């Protein structure tokens, strides 16, 4: 285990980009995080949290644009994102058909949040969604 004094520490960024699982402060609470890009990391996150893989987790984004093709955007979800993000509000949104199975819970929705913390947003720009 390694403890970092800053969420923008380059070593932390590198570890998360290689698939590490970690704990980070968000704008509401501490969260267990892993990169969405690594199925084995997402699996480990569920193990650590003792959470059913049938349930989705909150996905942290640097901003709404970082969601790219993950979210099945429509005008209503875009308006909700503009209204509530950044901030301590998670919005449950449908994921697009192209999202890999390890990220697709049983109901094809995930909760997304853009935290209102500039350092955490910077980390997310470097790591991608967590």
Protein backbone atom coordinates (compact mmCIF):
# COMPACT_ATOMS: atom_id res chain seq x y z
CA UNK A 1 0.00 0.00 0.00
CA UNK A 2 1.20 3.49 -0.83
CA UNK A 3 -0.18 6.75 0.55
CA UNK A 4 0.01 9.91 -1.55
CA UNK A 5 -0.27 13.46 -0.26
CA UNK A 6 -1.87 14.68 -3.48
CA UNK A 7 -4.35 13.15 -5.92
CA UNK A 8 -2.33 14.68 -8.76
CA UNK A 9 0.91 12.93 -7.81
CA UNK A 10 2.42 11.60 -11.07
CA UNK A 11 3.15 8.22 -9.45
CA UNK A 12 -0.51 7.85 -8.46
CA UNK A 13 -1.59 8.72 -12.00
CA UNK A 14 0.82 6.11 -13.38
CA UNK A 15 -0.38 3.44 -10.97
CA UNK A 16 -4.04 4.01 -11.85
CA UNK A 17 -3.20 4.01 -15.57
CA UNK A 18 -1.58 0.60 -15.08
CA UNK A 19 -4.68 -0.84 -13.42
CA UNK A 20 -4.14 -0.25 -9.69
CA UNK A 21 -7.10 -0.09 -7.33
CA UNK A 22 -7.05 2.80 -4.86
CA UNK A 23 -8.99 4.92 -2.41
CA UNK A 24 -9.45 8.64 -3.14
CA UNK A 25 -11.28 11.52 -1.53
CA UNK A 26 -14.10 12.82 -3.70
CA UNK A 27 -16.30 15.83 -3.11
CA UNK A 28 -18.64 13.77 -0.90
CA UNK A 29 -16.74 10.80 0.55
CA UNK A 30 -13.80 8.50 0.00
CA UNK A 31 -14.27 6.16 -2.92
CA UNK A 32 -12.62 2.93 -4.03
CA UNK A 33 -11.52 3.53 -7.62
CA UNK A 34 -10.11 1.67 -10.59
CA UNK A 35 -9.71 2.49 -14.26
CA UNK A 36 -12.63 1.45 -16.44
CA UNK A 37 -10.08 0.36 -19.05
CA UNK A 38 -8.98 -2.73 -17.10
CA UNK A 39 -11.58 -5.50 -16.63
CA UNK A 40 -9.40 -7.17 -13.99
CA UNK A 41 -9.17 -3.91 -12.03
CA UNK A 42 -12.93 -3.44 -12.12
CA UNK A 43 -13.33 -7.03 -10.93
CA UNK A 44 -10.88 -6.39 -8.09
CA UNK A 45 -12.78 -3.23 -7.13
CA UNK A 46 -15.97 -5.29 -6.75
CA UNK A 47 -14.08 -7.84 -4.65
CA UNK A 48 -12.62 -5.15 -2.38
CA UNK A 49 -16.02 -3.54 -1.92
CA UNK A 50 -17.75 -6.92 -1.52
CA UNK A 51 -20.30 -5.70 -4.08
CA UNK A 52 -22.35 -7.79 -6.46
CA UNK A 53 -21.18 -7.44 -10.06
CA UNK A 54 -24.85 -7.11 -11.00
CA UNK A 55 -24.84 -3.64 -9.43
CA UNK A 56 -23.11 -0.73 -11.08
CA UNK A 57 -20.72 1.63 -9.34
CA UNK A 58 -20.41 5.40 -9.58
CA UNK A 59 -18.12 6.40 -12.43
CA UNK A 60 -16.12 9.57 -11.87
CA UNK A 61 -15.53 11.80 -14.90
CA UNK A 62 -13.38 14.90 -15.37
CA UNK A 63 -16.30 16.48 -17.24
CA UNK A 64 -19.30 15.35 -19.28
CA UNK A 65 -17.26 15.26 -22.47
CA UNK A 66 -14.98 12.60 -21.00
CA UNK A 67 -17.90 10.17 -21.03
CA UNK A 68 -17.58 10.11 -24.82
CA UNK A 69 -19.30 7.00 -26.09
CA UNK A 70 -19.87 5.49 -22.64
CA UNK A 71 -23.20 7.25 -22.10
CA UNK A 72 -26.16 6.92 -24.45
CA UNK A 73 -26.67 10.69 -24.56
CA UNK A 74 -29.99 12.28 -25.41
CA UNK A 75 -31.17 15.88 -24.91
CA UNK A 76 -32.60 15.19 -21.43
CA UNK A 77 -29.42 13.57 -20.09
CA UNK A 78 -27.32 16.39 -21.57
CA UNK A 79 -29.45 19.00 -19.79
CA UNK A 80 -29.20 17.12 -16.49
CA UNK A 81 -25.42 16.91 -16.82
CA UNK A 82 -25.14 20.65 -17.52
CA UNK A 83 -27.37 21.48 -14.58
CA UNK A 84 -25.78 19.29 -11.90
CA UNK A 85 -22.11 18.91 -12.90
CA UNK A 86 -19.63 19.54 -11.55
CA UNK A 87 -21.02 18.81 -8.12
CA UNK A 88 -21.85 16.16 -5.55
CA UNK A 89 -24.69 14.71 -7.63
CA UNK A 90 -24.57 11.33 -9.33
CA UNK A 91 -26.84 10.88 -12.33
CA UNK A 92 -27.92 7.40 -13.36
CA UNK A 93 -27.70 7.20 -17.12
CA UNK A 94 -28.05 4.49 -19.74
CA UNK A 95 -24.76 3.22 -21.13
CA UNK A 96 -24.26 2.89 -24.86
CA UNK A 97 -24.39 -0.46 -26.64
CA UNK A 98 -20.62 -0.29 -27.27
CA UNK A 99 -19.71 -0.45 -23.56
CA UNK A 100 -17.85 -3.68 -22.72
CA UNK A 101 -19.59 -6.29 -20.58
CA UNK A 102 -17.42 -5.71 -17.50
CA UNK A 103 -18.90 -2.21 -17.26
CA UNK A 104 -22.49 -3.11 -18.10
CA UNK A 105 -24.63 -3.94 -15.07
CA UNK A 106 -27.80 -5.95 -15.48
CA UNK A 107 -30.00 -2.91 -16.21
CA UNK A 108 -27.51 -1.22 -18.61
CA UNK A 109 -27.27 1.95 -16.53
CA UNK A 110 -24.45 3.41 -14.44
CA UNK A 111 -24.25 6.32 -12.05
CA UNK A 112 -21.91 9.09 -13.22
CA UNK A 113 -20.50 12.08 -11.38
CA UNK A 114 -18.25 15.00 -12.22
CA UNK A 115 -16.76 16.01 -8.87
CA UNK A 116 -16.43 19.68 -8.04
CA UNK A 117 -12.77 19.37 -7.11
CA UNK A 118 -10.17 20.74 -9.53
CA UNK A 119 -7.38 18.38 -8.39
CA UNK A 120 -9.63 15.35 -8.77
CA UNK A 121 -10.74 16.59 -12.20
CA UNK A 122 -7.06 16.91 -13.18
CA UNK A 123 -6.41 13.35 -12.03
CA UNK A 124 -9.38 12.12 -14.06
CA UNK A 125 -8.09 13.90 -17.17
CA UNK A 126 -4.86 11.97 -16.81
CA UNK A 127 -6.34 8.59 -15.90
CA UNK A 128 -9.63 8.54 -17.74
CA UNK A 129 -12.91 7.64 -16.03
CA UNK A 130 -12.56 5.88 -12.68
